[in-house]
Amino acid sequence: MIELLGITKSYLMGGSKLTVLRDIDLAIEDGEFVSIMGPSGSGKSTLMNILGCLDTPTQGEYRLRGRPVQSLDSDALAHIRNREIGFVFQNFHLLPRMTALKNVELPMVYKGLSRRQRSDRAVELLQRVGLSDRADHLPQALSGGQKQRVAIARALANEPTILLADEPTGALDSVTGKEILGIFSALNQTGVTVVVITHDESVASYANRVIRLKDGRVIADERGASHDSF
């Protein structure tokens, strides 16, 4: 599904070149649950931005389902982000003046679904993450865990095949974090490819594969059964 070939990412800062990713070769298969681990500054968030078509590499090739992503224009990239990939972030990124239901509906507006279709799908997704009784609540009336559940429901709105999560439990207590990771595991069991960016070993233990970064390079690629030891 995902293939990275010689991916390098550099930025110009104050006249100097800062290289964040260095010659990354990586393949992720359909249906995998992968954790990308590394300390702060290792390049893991930059890698997620490239995987999610939010950024482009300086060198190398990114192929998504065999299609070279870097050759696509901005409209085609936006289409991929809206239809193929769901995003979950540490700080939720919910719109504060919209209810949980309306936040979940939002991606479906850009897909062109009718109001009834959006509402029915959003209700179904909130039920799926255990929040059907909070559909009419604004984000300010929700706990951190509830906000993240809404964010997950929103990420699933357009039935993506890939779910990218950047430090999804970073703002949550350990019990709530375990619940969120349990949702990811259940989604993966339905065939969704899950990629979690984290610096936390206990979070990474939920994945079946752990890719470790250091100084912008892959230093380990470990496969095995998940441990669920959060």
Protein backbone atom coordinates (compact mmCIF):
# COMPACT_ATOMS: atom_id res chain seq x y z
CA MET A 1 0.00 0.00 0.00
CA ILE A 2 2.67 2.50 1.11
CA GLU A 3 6.16 2.51 -0.36
CA LEU A 4 8.90 5.03 0.43
CA LEU A 5 12.07 4.92 -1.65
CA GLY A 6 15.07 7.01 -0.61
CA ILE A 7 12.94 9.67 1.10
CA THR A 8 14.93 12.68 2.28
CA LYS A 9 13.44 15.88 3.69
CA SER A 10 15.43 19.07 4.23
CA TYR A 11 14.51 22.62 5.23
CA LEU A 12 16.39 25.89 4.82
CA MET A 13 16.71 27.66 8.16
CA GLY A 14 18.60 30.90 8.41
CA GLY A 15 20.59 30.13 5.30
CA SER A 16 21.55 26.66 6.54
CA LYS A 17 20.12 23.33 5.40
CA LEU A 18 18.52 21.17 8.08
CA THR A 19 17.98 17.56 7.01
CA VAL A 20 15.16 15.94 9.03
CA LEU A 21 14.76 12.65 7.14
CA ARG A 22 17.64 10.80 5.53
CA ASP A 23 17.25 8.18 2.80
CA ILE A 24 14.18 6.42 4.25
CA ASP A 25 13.20 3.13 2.60
CA LEU A 26 9.95 1.76 4.00
CA ALA A 27 6.95 -0.32 2.95
CA ILE A 28 3.67 -0.67 4.86
CA GLU A 29 1.21 -3.34 3.77
CA ASP A 30 -2.57 -3.17 3.68
CA GLY A 31 -4.07 -3.93 7.10
CA GLU A 32 -0.94 -3.47 9.20
CA PHE A 33 -0.88 -1.80 12.63
CA VAL A 34 2.42 0.07 12.69
CA SER A 35 4.00 2.31 15.30
CA ILE A 36 6.69 4.80 14.29
CA MET A 37 8.82 5.57 17.34
CA GLY A 38 11.58 7.98 18.12
CA PRO A 39 12.67 10.75 20.48
CA SER A 40 11.86 14.40 19.89
CA GLY A 41 13.65 15.58 16.77
CA SER A 42 13.97 12.11 15.24
CA GLY A 43 11.80 13.04 12.24
CA LYS A 44 8.73 10.97 13.07
CA SER A 45 6.18 13.80 12.71
CA THR A 46 7.79 14.92 9.45
CA LEU A 47 7.48 11.35 8.22
CA MET A 48 3.80 11.28 9.17
CA ASN A 49 3.21 14.53 7.27
CA ILE A 50 4.73 12.96 4.16
CA LEU A 51 2.71 9.75 4.59
CA GLY A 52 -0.44 11.87 4.98
CA CYS A 53 0.30 13.97 1.87
CA LEU A 54 0.58 17.08 4.03
CA ASP A 55 4.20 17.60 2.97
CA THR A 56 6.42 16.45 0.11
CA PRO A 57 9.94 14.97 0.23
CA THR A 58 12.99 16.86 -0.96
CA GLN A 59 14.32 13.70 -2.59
CA GLY A 60 13.04 10.19 -3.14
CA GLU A 61 9.71 8.72 -4.13
CA TYR A 62 6.49 8.07 -2.21
CA ARG A 63 4.10 5.59 -3.80
CA LEU A 64 0.58 5.09 -2.45
CA ARG A 65 -1.07 2.03 -3.97
CA GLY A 66 1.55 2.19 -6.70
CA ARG A 67 0.84 5.83 -7.55
CA PRO A 68 3.74 8.30 -7.25
CA VAL A 69 2.36 10.90 -4.85
CA GLN A 70 4.91 13.66 -5.43
CA SER A 71 3.81 14.02 -9.05
CA LEU A 72 0.23 14.91 -8.06
CA ASP A 73 -1.12 18.46 -8.00
CA SER A 74 -2.66 20.08 -4.91
CA ASP A 75 -6.23 19.10 -5.88
CA ALA A 76 -5.27 15.45 -6.30
CA LEU A 77 -3.43 15.47 -2.97
CA ALA A 78 -6.45 17.01 -1.26
CA HIS A 79 -8.63 14.30 -2.79
CA ILE A 80 -6.35 11.59 -1.35
CA ARG A 81 -6.38 13.21 2.10
CA ASN A 82 -10.17 13.45 2.07
CA ARG A 83 -10.96 9.98 0.72
CA GLU A 84 -8.02 7.71 1.54
CA ILE A 85 -6.51 8.94 4.83
CA GLY A 86 -7.93 9.76 8.26
CA PHE A 87 -5.96 11.90 10.72
CA VAL A 88 -6.00 11.87 14.54
CA PHE A 89 -3.88 14.42 16.43
CA GLN A 90 -2.74 14.81 20.02
CA ASN A 91 -4.74 18.02 20.52
CA PHE A 92 -7.92 16.78 18.78
CA HIS A 93 -8.36 19.80 16.40
CA LEU A 94 -12.13 19.90 16.88
CA LEU A 95 -14.01 23.05 15.86
CA PRO A 96 -15.13 24.61 19.18
CA ARG A 97 -18.44 26.05 17.96
CA MET A 98 -19.66 22.83 16.39
CA THR A 99 -21.25 19.92 18.24
CA ALA A 100 -19.64 16.49 18.26
CA LEU A 101 -22.09 15.43 15.54
CA LYS A 102 -21.27 18.43 13.32
CA ASN A 103 -17.53 17.92 13.79
CA VAL A 104 -17.89 14.33 12.57
CA GLU A 105 -20.06 15.44 9.64
CA LEU A 106 -17.55 18.02 8.40
CA PRO A 107 -15.35 15.81 6.14
CA MET A 108 -18.50 14.48 4.48
CA VAL A 109 -19.49 18.00 3.42
CA TYR A 110 -16.42 18.11 1.16
CA LYS A 111 -17.31 14.66 -0.16
CA GLY A 112 -20.68 15.97 -1.28
CA LEU A 113 -22.98 13.79 0.82
CA SER A 114 -26.49 15.02 1.55
CA ARG A 115 -27.38 16.43 4.96
CA ARG A 116 -29.32 13.26 5.83
CA GLN A 117 -26.48 11.00 4.71
CA ARG A 118 -23.98 13.02 6.75
CA SER A 119 -26.14 12.94 9.86
CA ASP A 120 -26.86 9.21 9.65
CA ARG A 121 -23.20 8.37 9.11
CA ALA A 122 -22.06 10.65 11.96
CA VAL A 123 -24.55 9.10 14.38
CA GLU A 124 -23.34 5.64 13.39
CA LEU A 125 -19.68 6.61 13.94
CA LEU A 126 -20.34 8.22 17.32
CA GLN A 127 -22.09 5.01 18.37
CA ARG A 128 -19.07 3.05 17.16
CA VAL A 129 -16.73 5.00 19.47
CA GLY A 130 -19.17 4.91 22.39
CA LEU A 131 -20.32 8.54 22.27
CA SER A 132 -23.86 8.45 20.94
CA ASP A 133 -25.07 10.22 24.11
CA ARG A 134 -22.72 13.17 23.50
CA ALA A 135 -23.67 13.95 19.89
CA ASP A 136 -25.16 17.37 20.73
CA HIS A 137 -22.35 18.47 23.08
CA LEU A 138 -19.80 21.13 22.16
CA PRO A 139 -16.12 20.17 22.59
CA GLN A 140 -15.82 22.34 25.72
CA ALA A 141 -18.35 20.06 27.43
CA LEU A 142 -16.35 16.89 26.64
CA SER A 143 -13.45 15.28 28.48
CA GLY A 144 -10.13 14.74 26.74
CA GLY A 145 -10.94 11.13 26.03
CA GLN A 146 -14.35 12.04 24.64
CA LYS A 147 -12.79 14.68 22.39
CA GLN A 148 -10.36 12.10 21.03
CA ARG A 149 -13.23 9.69 20.37
CA VAL A 150 -14.98 12.42 18.38
CA ALA A 151 -11.72 13.03 16.50
CA ILE A 152 -11.48 9.32 15.68
CA ALA A 153 -15.10 9.26 14.49
CA ARG A 154 -14.38 12.30 12.29
CA ALA A 155 -11.26 10.62 10.90
CA LEU A 156 -13.41 7.65 9.86
CA ALA A 157 -16.15 9.75 8.26
CA ASN A 158 -15.16 9.07 4.66
CA GLU A 159 -14.20 5.43 5.25
CA PRO A 160 -10.42 5.85 4.88
CA THR A 161 -8.21 2.83 4.36
CA ILE A 162 -5.36 4.45 6.34
CA LEU A 163 -5.58 6.00 9.80
CA LEU A 164 -2.61 8.20 10.81
CA ALA A 165 -2.40 9.16 14.49
CA ASP A 166 0.24 11.57 15.83
CA GLU A 167 0.77 11.09 19.61
CA PRO A 168 -2.97 10.30 20.00
CA THR A 169 -2.74 9.58 23.74
CA GLY A 170 -0.27 12.36 24.60
CA ALA A 171 -2.92 14.58 26.22
CA LEU A 172 -4.76 11.74 27.98
CA ASP A 173 -4.40 9.85 31.25
CA SER A 174 -3.27 6.23 31.06
CA VAL A 175 -6.73 4.68 31.49
CA THR A 176 -8.27 6.84 28.75
CA GLY A 177 -5.23 6.29 26.56
CA LYS A 178 -5.71 2.55 26.83
CA GLU A 179 -9.35 2.93 25.74
CA ILE A 180 -8.32 4.96 22.69
CA LEU A 181 -5.66 2.42 21.71
CA GLY A 182 -8.28 -0.30 22.10
CA ILE A 183 -10.41 1.53 19.54
CA PHE A 184 -7.45 1.61 17.14
CA SER A 185 -6.91 -2.13 17.63
CA ALA A 186 -10.58 -2.82 16.92
CA LEU A 187 -10.46 -0.66 13.77
CA ASN A 188 -7.36 -2.49 12.60
CA GLN A 189 -9.24 -5.78 13.03
CA THR A 190 -11.79 -4.51 10.49
CA GLY A 191 -9.03 -3.97 7.90
CA VAL A 192 -8.05 -0.33 8.46
CA THR A 193 -4.30 0.25 8.20
CA VAL A 194 -3.24 2.08 11.38
CA VAL A 195 -0.01 4.07 11.75
CA VAL A 196 0.65 5.60 15.18
CA ILE A 197 3.44 8.12 15.78
CA THR A 198 4.71 8.00 19.39
CA HIS A 199 7.69 8.33 21.68
CA ASP A 200 6.04 6.01 24.25
CA GLU A 201 6.97 2.31 24.36
CA SER A 202 3.66 1.38 26.01
CA VAL A 203 1.73 2.97 23.15
CA ALA A 204 3.95 1.32 20.55
CA SER A 205 3.32 -2.07 22.17
CA TYR A 206 -0.21 -2.08 20.72
CA ALA A 207 1.18 -2.30 17.20
CA ASN A 208 2.22 -5.47 15.41
CA ARG A 209 5.23 -3.68 13.97
CA VAL A 210 7.48 -0.99 15.44
CA ILE A 211 9.66 1.20 13.21
CA ARG A 212 12.30 3.15 15.15
CA LEU A 213 13.78 6.45 13.96
CA LYS A 214 16.86 8.26 15.18
CA ASP A 215 18.35 11.40 13.62
CA GLY A 216 16.09 11.01 10.59
CA ARG A 217 17.04 7.41 9.82
CA VAL A 218 15.31 4.07 10.33
CA ILE A 219 17.44 2.23 12.88
CA ALA A 220 15.12 -0.74 13.57
CA ASP A 221 12.06 -2.44 12.10
CA GLU A 222 10.58 -4.90 14.59
CA ARG A 223 7.71 -7.26 13.82
CA GLY A 224 5.69 -9.40 16.18
CA ALA A 225 2.44 -9.69 18.09
CA SER A 226 1.18 -6.64 19.95
CA HIS A 227 1.61 -6.60 23.72
CA ASP A 228 -1.23 -4.33 24.87
CA SER A 229 0.75 -3.20 27.90
CA PHE A 230 -0.31 0.45 28.17
